[in-house]
């Protein structure tokens, strides 16, 4: 359950940026694409902080468990607790970009840290192969994302 929640909330700082710093966040997204750098790097350059910091601050305010806060704070880095939750979120981010499921404004596929490769027993291609056919899951997610909830 924790990995599921981490997967849902790890990029919540982007929502905060989009809501309260829309112009700067848009510039960061453009910079990321134009310079082919990771969005969190572009955010630091444009805004002065990235979405992981803002997201983890909210998680602390909401009194989430420390491992979840750490995962949100460090899902782009190797500096925090290298847990299964962190490895799963890190890998899922890169897999979704590599398979073109979505990039959340961050088109750069980052190499998997050794700790993630160790946790899953291989590189990104090995992990993807071990997951089997993801077509049905991707189609269901796409339908869900396009649902009209205004009713």
Protein backbone atom coordinates (compact mmCIF):
# COMPACT_ATOMS: atom_id res chain seq x y z
CA UNK A 1 0.00 0.00 0.00
CA UNK A 2 2.84 2.41 0.80
CA UNK A 3 4.31 2.05 -2.71
CA UNK A 4 0.91 2.77 -4.20
CA UNK A 5 0.53 5.95 -2.13
CA UNK A 6 4.11 7.00 -2.92
CA UNK A 7 3.40 6.47 -6.61
CA UNK A 8 0.33 8.67 -6.42
CA UNK A 9 1.90 11.46 -4.36
CA UNK A 10 5.58 11.58 -5.29
CA UNK A 11 5.06 14.38 -7.85
CA UNK A 12 2.50 16.37 -5.85
CA UNK A 13 4.94 19.28 -5.66
CA UNK A 14 4.36 19.75 -9.41
CA UNK A 15 0.69 20.38 -8.71
CA UNK A 16 1.65 23.06 -6.20
CA UNK A 17 3.99 24.68 -8.73
CA UNK A 18 1.33 24.53 -11.47
CA UNK A 19 -1.23 26.12 -9.15
CA UNK A 20 0.84 28.79 -7.41
CA UNK A 21 3.87 29.36 -9.66
CA UNK A 22 2.35 28.58 -13.05
CA UNK A 23 4.52 30.93 -15.09
CA UNK A 24 7.79 29.80 -13.51
CA UNK A 25 6.77 26.14 -13.68
CA UNK A 26 5.94 26.53 -17.36
CA UNK A 27 9.38 28.09 -17.94
CA UNK A 28 11.00 25.16 -16.11
CA UNK A 29 9.10 22.65 -18.27
CA UNK A 30 10.13 24.48 -21.43
CA UNK A 31 13.75 24.61 -20.24
CA UNK A 32 13.67 20.88 -19.49
CA UNK A 33 12.55 20.05 -23.02
CA UNK A 34 14.72 22.63 -24.80
CA UNK A 35 17.93 21.75 -22.93
CA UNK A 36 17.07 18.04 -22.53
CA UNK A 37 17.60 18.18 -18.77
CA UNK A 38 15.51 16.64 -16.04
CA UNK A 39 12.56 18.73 -14.91
CA UNK A 40 13.70 18.73 -11.28
CA UNK A 41 17.03 20.25 -12.41
CA UNK A 42 15.21 22.90 -14.49
CA UNK A 43 12.92 23.67 -11.52
CA UNK A 44 15.94 24.32 -9.31
CA UNK A 45 17.40 26.64 -11.96
CA UNK A 46 14.16 28.58 -12.59
CA UNK A 47 12.32 28.43 -9.25
CA UNK A 48 15.20 27.79 -6.87
CA UNK A 49 13.76 24.55 -5.51
CA UNK A 50 12.29 21.43 -7.07
CA UNK A 51 8.97 19.64 -6.68
CA UNK A 52 10.47 16.99 -4.38
CA UNK A 53 11.13 19.58 -1.67
CA UNK A 54 7.66 21.11 -1.91
CA UNK A 55 5.98 17.70 -2.04
CA UNK A 56 7.89 16.40 0.97
CA UNK A 57 7.10 19.58 2.93
CA UNK A 58 3.40 18.94 2.34
CA UNK A 59 3.79 15.30 3.32
CA UNK A 60 5.42 16.42 6.58
CA UNK A 61 2.64 18.94 7.22
CA UNK A 62 0.07 16.19 6.62
CA UNK A 63 2.00 14.00 9.09
CA UNK A 64 2.69 11.19 6.66
CA UNK A 65 5.06 8.46 7.84
CA UNK A 66 8.77 9.35 7.59
CA UNK A 67 9.56 6.64 4.98
CA UNK A 68 6.91 8.11 2.66
CA UNK A 69 8.20 11.65 3.23
CA UNK A 70 11.75 10.49 2.47
CA UNK A 71 10.60 8.72 -0.69
CA UNK A 72 8.83 11.84 -1.95
CA UNK A 73 11.86 14.00 -1.10
CA UNK A 74 14.40 11.67 -2.71
CA UNK A 75 12.64 10.02 -5.64
CA UNK A 76 15.11 11.65 -8.06
CA UNK A 77 18.22 11.17 -5.94
CA UNK A 78 20.35 8.56 -4.24
CA UNK A 79 20.80 10.53 -1.04
CA UNK A 80 17.94 9.26 1.07
CA UNK A 81 16.87 5.95 2.44
CA UNK A 82 17.26 3.41 -0.35
CA UNK A 83 14.11 1.45 0.42
CA UNK A 84 11.95 -0.77 -1.74
CA UNK A 85 9.41 2.05 -1.92
CA UNK A 86 12.06 4.49 -3.18
CA UNK A 87 13.40 1.95 -5.70
CA UNK A 88 9.88 1.25 -6.97
CA UNK A 89 9.00 4.93 -7.47
CA UNK A 90 12.36 5.66 -9.09
CA UNK A 91 12.03 2.73 -11.49
CA UNK A 92 8.35 3.43 -12.25
CA UNK A 93 9.20 7.03 -13.20
CA UNK A 94 11.78 5.91 -15.71
CA UNK A 95 9.71 3.00 -17.04
CA UNK A 96 6.70 5.24 -17.70
CA UNK A 97 8.91 7.62 -19.70
CA UNK A 98 10.72 4.86 -21.61
CA UNK A 99 7.45 3.18 -22.58
CA UNK A 100 5.86 6.56 -23.40
CA UNK A 101 3.10 6.11 -20.83
CA UNK A 102 3.66 9.70 -19.73
CA UNK A 103 6.44 11.90 -18.55
CA UNK A 104 4.74 14.46 -16.25
CA UNK A 105 6.59 17.23 -18.05
CA UNK A 106 9.93 15.47 -17.64
CA UNK A 107 10.99 13.79 -20.90
CA UNK A 108 14.52 12.79 -19.79
CA UNK A 109 15.00 9.15 -18.95
CA UNK A 110 17.48 9.00 -16.10
CA UNK A 111 19.76 5.99 -15.61
CA UNK A 112 18.79 3.70 -12.77
CA UNK A 113 21.09 4.01 -9.76
CA UNK A 114 22.96 0.86 -8.79
CA UNK A 115 20.72 0.47 -5.72
CA UNK A 116 17.63 0.27 -7.95
CA UNK A 117 19.32 -2.20 -10.31
CA UNK A 118 20.34 -4.29 -7.31
CA UNK A 119 16.83 -4.20 -5.85
CA UNK A 120 15.20 -5.38 -9.09
CA UNK A 121 18.04 -7.58 -10.29
CA UNK A 122 18.82 -5.73 -13.51
CA UNK A 123 18.63 -2.61 -15.62
CA UNK A 124 15.51 -0.87 -16.90
CA UNK A 125 15.13 -3.22 -19.87
CA UNK A 126 15.33 -6.24 -17.55
CA UNK A 127 12.68 -4.74 -15.26
CA UNK A 128 10.38 -3.95 -18.20
CA UNK A 129 10.79 -7.49 -19.58
CA UNK A 130 9.97 -8.96 -16.17
CA UNK A 131 6.70 -7.01 -16.04
CA UNK A 132 5.27 -8.75 -19.10
CA UNK A 133 2.76 -7.14 -21.43
CA UNK A 134 1.62 -3.83 -19.96
CA UNK A 135 -0.70 -2.91 -22.84
CA UNK A 136 -3.95 -3.69 -21.01
CA UNK A 137 -2.87 -1.80 -17.88
CA UNK A 138 -1.79 1.19 -19.99
CA UNK A 139 -5.11 1.20 -21.86
CA UNK A 140 -7.11 1.04 -18.62
CA UNK A 141 -5.08 3.88 -17.14
CA UNK A 142 -5.61 5.97 -20.27
CA UNK A 143 -9.38 5.42 -20.14
CA UNK A 144 -9.40 6.29 -16.43
CA UNK A 145 -7.39 9.48 -17.03
CA UNK A 146 -9.85 10.64 -19.68
CA UNK A 147 -13.00 9.96 -17.64
CA UNK A 148 -15.43 12.86 -17.36
CA UNK A 149 -15.91 13.44 -13.64
CA UNK A 150 -18.11 16.54 -14.00
CA UNK A 151 -21.35 14.55 -13.67
